[in-house]
N, C-alpha and C. Protein backbone atom coordinates (compact mmCIF):
# COMPACT_ATOMS: atom_id res chain seq x y z
N ALA A 1 37.69 142.80 320.90
CA ALA A 1 38.60 141.75 320.50
C ALA A 1 38.35 141.36 319.03
N LEU A 2 37.08 141.34 318.61
CA LEU A 2 36.78 140.97 317.23
C LEU A 2 37.26 142.04 316.26
N LEU A 3 37.12 143.30 316.65
CA LEU A 3 37.59 144.38 315.79
C LEU A 3 39.12 144.32 315.64
N GLU A 4 39.80 144.03 316.72
CA GLU A 4 41.25 143.87 316.66
C GLU A 4 41.62 142.72 315.73
N ALA A 5 40.91 141.62 315.82
CA ALA A 5 41.18 140.47 314.94
C ALA A 5 40.93 140.82 313.48
N ALA A 6 39.88 141.60 313.21
CA ALA A 6 39.59 142.01 311.84
C ALA A 6 40.71 142.88 311.28
N LEU A 7 41.21 143.82 312.08
CA LEU A 7 42.30 144.68 311.63
C LEU A 7 43.58 143.89 311.40
N LEU A 8 43.86 142.95 312.29
CA LEU A 8 45.04 142.10 312.11
C LEU A 8 44.91 141.25 310.85
N ASN A 9 43.71 140.75 310.58
CA ASN A 9 43.50 139.96 309.37
C ASN A 9 43.80 140.79 308.13
N LEU A 10 43.33 142.03 308.10
CA LEU A 10 43.59 142.90 306.96
C LEU A 10 45.08 143.17 306.79
N ALA A 11 45.78 143.39 307.91
CA ALA A 11 47.22 143.63 307.84
C ALA A 11 47.96 142.38 307.36
N PHE A 12 47.56 141.21 307.85
CA PHE A 12 48.21 139.97 307.42
C PHE A 12 47.92 139.68 305.95
N ASN A 13 46.74 140.06 305.47
CA ASN A 13 46.45 139.90 304.04
C ASN A 13 47.44 140.70 303.21
N SER A 14 47.74 141.92 303.65
CA SER A 14 48.73 142.74 302.94
C SER A 14 50.09 142.07 302.97
N LEU A 15 50.46 141.55 304.12
CA LEU A 15 51.75 140.87 304.25
C LEU A 15 51.84 139.67 303.31
N HIS A 16 50.78 138.88 303.26
CA HIS A 16 50.76 137.72 302.36
C HIS A 16 50.81 138.15 300.90
N ALA A 17 50.17 139.27 300.57
CA ALA A 17 50.17 139.74 299.18
C ALA A 17 51.58 140.10 298.72
N LEU A 18 52.41 140.57 299.64
CA LEU A 18 53.78 140.92 299.27
C LEU A 18 54.61 139.67 298.99
N GLY A 19 54.26 138.57 299.64
CA GLY A 19 54.98 137.32 299.41
C GLY A 19 56.47 137.46 299.65
N THR A 20 57.24 136.78 298.86
CA THR A 20 58.69 136.80 299.04
C THR A 20 59.36 137.92 298.24
N ARG A 21 58.57 138.63 297.43
CA ARG A 21 59.17 139.69 296.61
C ARG A 21 59.42 140.97 297.39
N GLY A 22 58.82 141.07 298.58
CA GLY A 22 59.01 142.25 299.41
C GLY A 22 58.11 143.39 298.99
N GLY A 23 58.25 144.50 299.68
CA GLY A 23 57.42 145.67 299.44
C GLY A 23 57.15 146.37 300.75
N THR A 24 56.15 147.22 300.75
CA THR A 24 55.84 147.97 301.96
C THR A 24 54.35 147.85 302.30
N ILE A 25 54.09 147.99 303.58
CA ILE A 25 52.73 148.06 304.11
C ILE A 25 52.66 149.32 304.95
N GLY A 26 51.65 150.12 304.72
CA GLY A 26 51.48 151.35 305.50
C GLY A 26 50.17 151.32 306.25
N LEU A 27 50.19 151.85 307.45
CA LEU A 27 49.00 152.00 308.26
C LEU A 27 48.81 153.49 308.49
N HIS A 28 47.66 154.00 308.05
CA HIS A 28 47.39 155.43 308.14
C HIS A 28 46.10 155.64 308.93
N LEU A 29 46.14 156.55 309.88
CA LEU A 29 44.99 156.86 310.71
C LEU A 29 44.64 158.33 310.57
N ARG A 30 43.33 158.60 310.57
CA ARG A 30 42.85 159.98 310.54
C ARG A 30 41.58 160.04 311.37
N CYS A 31 41.46 161.08 312.16
CA CYS A 31 40.28 161.25 313.01
C CYS A 31 39.77 162.67 312.85
N ASP A 32 38.45 162.79 312.69
CA ASP A 32 37.87 164.13 312.55
C ASP A 32 36.99 164.50 313.75
N GLY A 33 37.06 163.72 314.82
CA GLY A 33 36.24 163.98 315.99
C GLY A 33 34.94 163.18 316.00
N GLU A 34 34.48 162.79 314.84
CA GLU A 34 33.25 161.99 314.71
C GLU A 34 33.56 160.56 314.29
N THR A 35 34.51 160.41 313.37
CA THR A 35 34.86 159.09 312.86
C THR A 35 36.37 158.94 312.84
N VAL A 36 36.79 157.70 312.80
CA VAL A 36 38.21 157.39 312.59
C VAL A 36 38.30 156.64 311.27
N GLU A 37 39.31 157.00 310.50
CA GLU A 37 39.58 156.33 309.23
C GLU A 37 40.90 155.60 309.38
N ILE A 38 40.88 154.32 309.06
CA ILE A 38 42.07 153.48 309.11
C ILE A 38 42.31 152.95 307.71
N ALA A 39 43.48 153.21 307.17
CA ALA A 39 43.83 152.72 305.84
C ALA A 39 45.04 151.81 305.96
N ILE A 40 44.90 150.60 305.43
CA ILE A 40 46.02 149.67 305.35
C ILE A 40 46.35 149.56 303.87
N ARG A 41 47.56 149.99 303.51
CA ARG A 41 47.96 150.05 302.10
C ARG A 41 49.21 149.21 301.89
N ASP A 42 49.25 148.53 300.76
CA ASP A 42 50.44 147.74 300.45
C ASP A 42 50.87 147.98 299.01
N THR A 43 52.07 147.50 298.70
CA THR A 43 52.60 147.63 297.35
C THR A 43 52.60 146.28 296.64
N GLY A 44 51.68 145.40 297.04
CA GLY A 44 51.56 144.09 296.42
C GLY A 44 50.88 144.17 295.06
N PRO A 45 50.42 143.03 294.56
CA PRO A 45 49.82 142.98 293.22
C PRO A 45 48.41 143.57 293.14
N GLY A 46 47.80 143.85 294.26
CA GLY A 46 46.43 144.38 294.25
C GLY A 46 45.42 143.26 294.09
N PHE A 47 44.15 143.64 294.01
CA PHE A 47 43.07 142.69 293.84
C PHE A 47 42.90 142.36 292.36
N PRO A 48 42.45 141.14 292.06
CA PRO A 48 42.24 140.78 290.65
C PRO A 48 41.25 141.74 289.99
N GLU A 49 41.58 142.16 288.78
CA GLU A 49 40.72 143.07 288.02
C GLU A 49 39.80 142.24 287.13
N VAL A 50 38.92 141.50 287.77
CA VAL A 50 37.98 140.62 287.08
C VAL A 50 36.58 141.18 287.30
N PRO A 51 35.81 141.39 286.22
CA PRO A 51 34.46 141.93 286.40
C PRO A 51 33.64 141.06 287.37
N GLY A 52 33.01 141.72 288.31
CA GLY A 52 32.16 141.03 289.28
C GLY A 52 32.91 140.44 290.46
N PHE A 53 34.25 140.53 290.45
CA PHE A 53 35.03 139.97 291.57
C PHE A 53 34.94 140.90 292.76
N ASP A 54 34.48 140.39 293.88
CA ASP A 54 34.45 141.12 295.14
C ASP A 54 35.31 140.35 296.12
N PRO A 55 36.46 140.91 296.53
CA PRO A 55 37.35 140.17 297.42
C PRO A 55 36.73 139.84 298.77
N ALA A 56 35.63 140.50 299.13
CA ALA A 56 35.01 140.24 300.42
C ALA A 56 33.84 139.27 300.33
N LEU A 57 33.65 138.63 299.17
CA LEU A 57 32.64 137.59 299.09
C LEU A 57 33.19 136.30 299.66
N PRO A 58 32.38 135.56 300.41
CA PRO A 58 32.87 134.31 301.00
C PRO A 58 33.35 133.33 299.93
N PHE A 59 34.39 132.61 300.27
CA PHE A 59 34.96 131.53 299.47
C PHE A 59 35.63 132.00 298.17
N HIS A 60 35.95 133.29 298.06
CA HIS A 60 36.75 133.80 296.95
C HIS A 60 38.13 134.13 297.51
N SER A 61 39.11 133.39 297.08
CA SER A 61 40.46 133.60 297.59
C SER A 61 41.44 133.59 296.43
N THR A 62 42.46 134.42 296.54
CA THR A 62 43.53 134.41 295.55
C THR A 62 44.70 133.56 296.03
N ARG A 63 44.62 133.05 297.24
CA ARG A 63 45.67 132.19 297.78
C ARG A 63 45.39 130.73 297.43
N GLU A 64 46.45 130.01 297.19
CA GLU A 64 46.30 128.61 296.79
C GLU A 64 45.53 127.79 297.82
N ASN A 65 45.81 127.98 299.10
CA ASN A 65 45.14 127.22 300.15
C ASN A 65 44.18 128.08 300.96
N GLY A 66 43.79 129.23 300.43
CA GLY A 66 42.91 130.13 301.17
C GLY A 66 41.46 129.67 301.14
N LEU A 67 40.77 129.91 302.24
CA LEU A 67 39.34 129.58 302.32
C LEU A 67 38.45 130.72 301.83
N GLY A 68 38.98 131.93 301.82
CA GLY A 68 38.19 133.06 301.38
C GLY A 68 37.18 133.52 302.42
N LEU A 69 37.54 133.38 303.69
CA LEU A 69 36.61 133.79 304.76
C LEU A 69 37.12 134.98 305.57
N GLY A 70 38.41 135.29 305.50
CA GLY A 70 38.97 136.36 306.31
C GLY A 70 38.37 137.72 306.01
N LEU A 71 38.30 138.10 304.74
CA LEU A 71 37.75 139.41 304.38
C LEU A 71 36.25 139.52 304.66
N PRO A 72 35.45 138.48 304.35
CA PRO A 72 34.03 138.58 304.70
C PRO A 72 33.80 138.71 306.21
N ILE A 73 34.59 137.99 306.99
CA ILE A 73 34.44 138.09 308.44
C ILE A 73 34.87 139.48 308.91
N ALA A 74 35.99 139.98 308.37
CA ALA A 74 36.45 141.33 308.75
C ALA A 74 35.37 142.37 308.42
N ARG A 75 34.77 142.27 307.23
CA ARG A 75 33.72 143.21 306.86
C ARG A 75 32.53 143.11 307.81
N ALA A 76 32.12 141.91 308.16
CA ALA A 76 30.99 141.72 309.06
C ALA A 76 31.27 142.31 310.44
N VAL A 77 32.48 142.11 310.94
CA VAL A 77 32.85 142.65 312.25
C VAL A 77 32.84 144.18 312.22
N ILE A 78 33.43 144.76 311.17
CA ILE A 78 33.48 146.23 311.06
C ILE A 78 32.07 146.79 310.93
N GLU A 79 31.22 146.16 310.14
CA GLU A 79 29.84 146.62 310.00
C GLU A 79 29.05 146.46 311.30
N ALA A 80 29.37 145.44 312.10
CA ALA A 80 28.72 145.26 313.40
C ALA A 80 29.09 146.38 314.37
N HIS A 81 30.19 147.07 314.09
CA HIS A 81 30.61 148.23 314.88
C HIS A 81 30.17 149.54 314.20
N ASP A 82 29.16 149.44 313.34
CA ASP A 82 28.61 150.59 312.61
C ASP A 82 29.62 151.24 311.67
N GLY A 83 30.56 150.46 311.18
CA GLY A 83 31.58 150.98 310.29
C GLY A 83 31.42 150.44 308.87
N THR A 84 32.36 150.84 308.03
CA THR A 84 32.38 150.37 306.64
C THR A 84 33.79 149.92 306.30
N LEU A 85 33.87 148.97 305.38
CA LEU A 85 35.14 148.50 304.85
C LEU A 85 35.08 148.58 303.34
N THR A 86 36.03 149.30 302.77
CA THR A 86 36.15 149.40 301.32
C THR A 86 37.48 148.78 300.92
N LEU A 87 37.43 147.86 299.97
CA LEU A 87 38.63 147.21 299.46
C LEU A 87 38.81 147.66 298.02
N ARG A 88 40.01 148.17 297.70
CA ARG A 88 40.21 148.67 296.34
C ARG A 88 41.69 148.62 295.97
N ASN A 89 41.94 148.68 294.68
CA ASN A 89 43.30 148.80 294.18
C ASN A 89 43.72 150.26 294.21
N ARG A 90 44.98 150.48 294.46
CA ARG A 90 45.53 151.84 294.48
C ARG A 90 46.01 152.19 293.08
N GLU A 91 45.86 153.44 292.70
CA GLU A 91 46.30 153.89 291.38
C GLU A 91 47.79 153.64 291.16
N GLU A 92 48.58 153.82 292.20
CA GLU A 92 50.03 153.64 292.08
C GLU A 92 50.45 152.18 292.25
N GLY A 93 49.50 151.27 292.36
CA GLY A 93 49.77 149.85 292.53
C GLY A 93 49.54 149.42 293.96
N GLY A 94 49.23 148.16 294.11
CA GLY A 94 48.95 147.64 295.44
C GLY A 94 47.47 147.75 295.78
N ALA A 95 47.16 147.39 297.00
CA ALA A 95 45.78 147.38 297.46
C ALA A 95 45.62 148.24 298.70
N GLU A 96 44.36 148.59 298.97
CA GLU A 96 44.04 149.38 300.15
C GLU A 96 42.78 148.83 300.78
N ALA A 97 42.84 148.68 302.09
CA ALA A 97 41.65 148.38 302.89
C ALA A 97 41.35 149.66 303.67
N LEU A 98 40.21 150.26 303.41
CA LEU A 98 39.84 151.53 304.02
C LEU A 98 38.67 151.31 304.97
N ILE A 99 38.89 151.60 306.24
CA ILE A 99 37.89 151.37 307.28
C ILE A 99 37.45 152.72 307.84
N HIS A 100 36.15 152.89 307.96
CA HIS A 100 35.59 154.06 308.63
C HIS A 100 34.77 153.55 309.81
N LEU A 101 35.05 154.09 311.00
CA LEU A 101 34.34 153.70 312.21
C LEU A 101 33.90 154.95 312.96
N PRO A 102 32.69 154.94 313.50
CA PRO A 102 32.27 156.07 314.32
C PRO A 102 33.01 156.02 315.66
N LEU A 103 33.32 157.18 316.21
CA LEU A 103 33.96 157.20 317.52
C LEU A 103 32.98 156.90 318.63
N HIS A 104 31.73 157.26 318.40
CA HIS A 104 30.70 157.04 319.40
C HIS A 104 29.52 156.34 318.74
N ARG A 105 29.05 155.30 319.38
CA ARG A 105 27.89 154.59 318.87
C ARG A 105 26.64 155.31 319.36
N PRO A 106 25.60 155.37 318.53
CA PRO A 106 24.37 156.03 318.97
C PRO A 106 23.78 155.35 320.20
N GLN A 107 23.27 156.15 321.11
CA GLN A 107 22.62 155.63 322.31
C GLN A 107 21.22 155.16 321.98
N GLU A 108 20.88 153.96 322.45
CA GLU A 108 19.52 153.47 322.25
C GLU A 108 18.63 154.07 323.32
N THR A 109 17.41 154.43 322.92
CA THR A 109 16.46 155.00 323.88
C THR A 109 15.37 154.03 324.21
């Protein structure tokens, strides 16, 4: 349930980034048998290009009324599932949230 909430948060972030100007959001999945890659891409303004700015740091928000907790929580949930979250600007414009998750968690002995 937490992983689902994290993915929804990332998708809603893309939707909010588009605002009233419109654009597109794409969801791309790839599986190689060991890991699944989920990419959420939008055509919004992208992340601020400010040195040292990490969109997944707590309390950093580009929204007027944002708390800046959604991305840090999403990253923590994905990492708790042995995955990674990379947030970056796309060369063609917009932003991308790239998630890598293992299909199988290692068995504890």
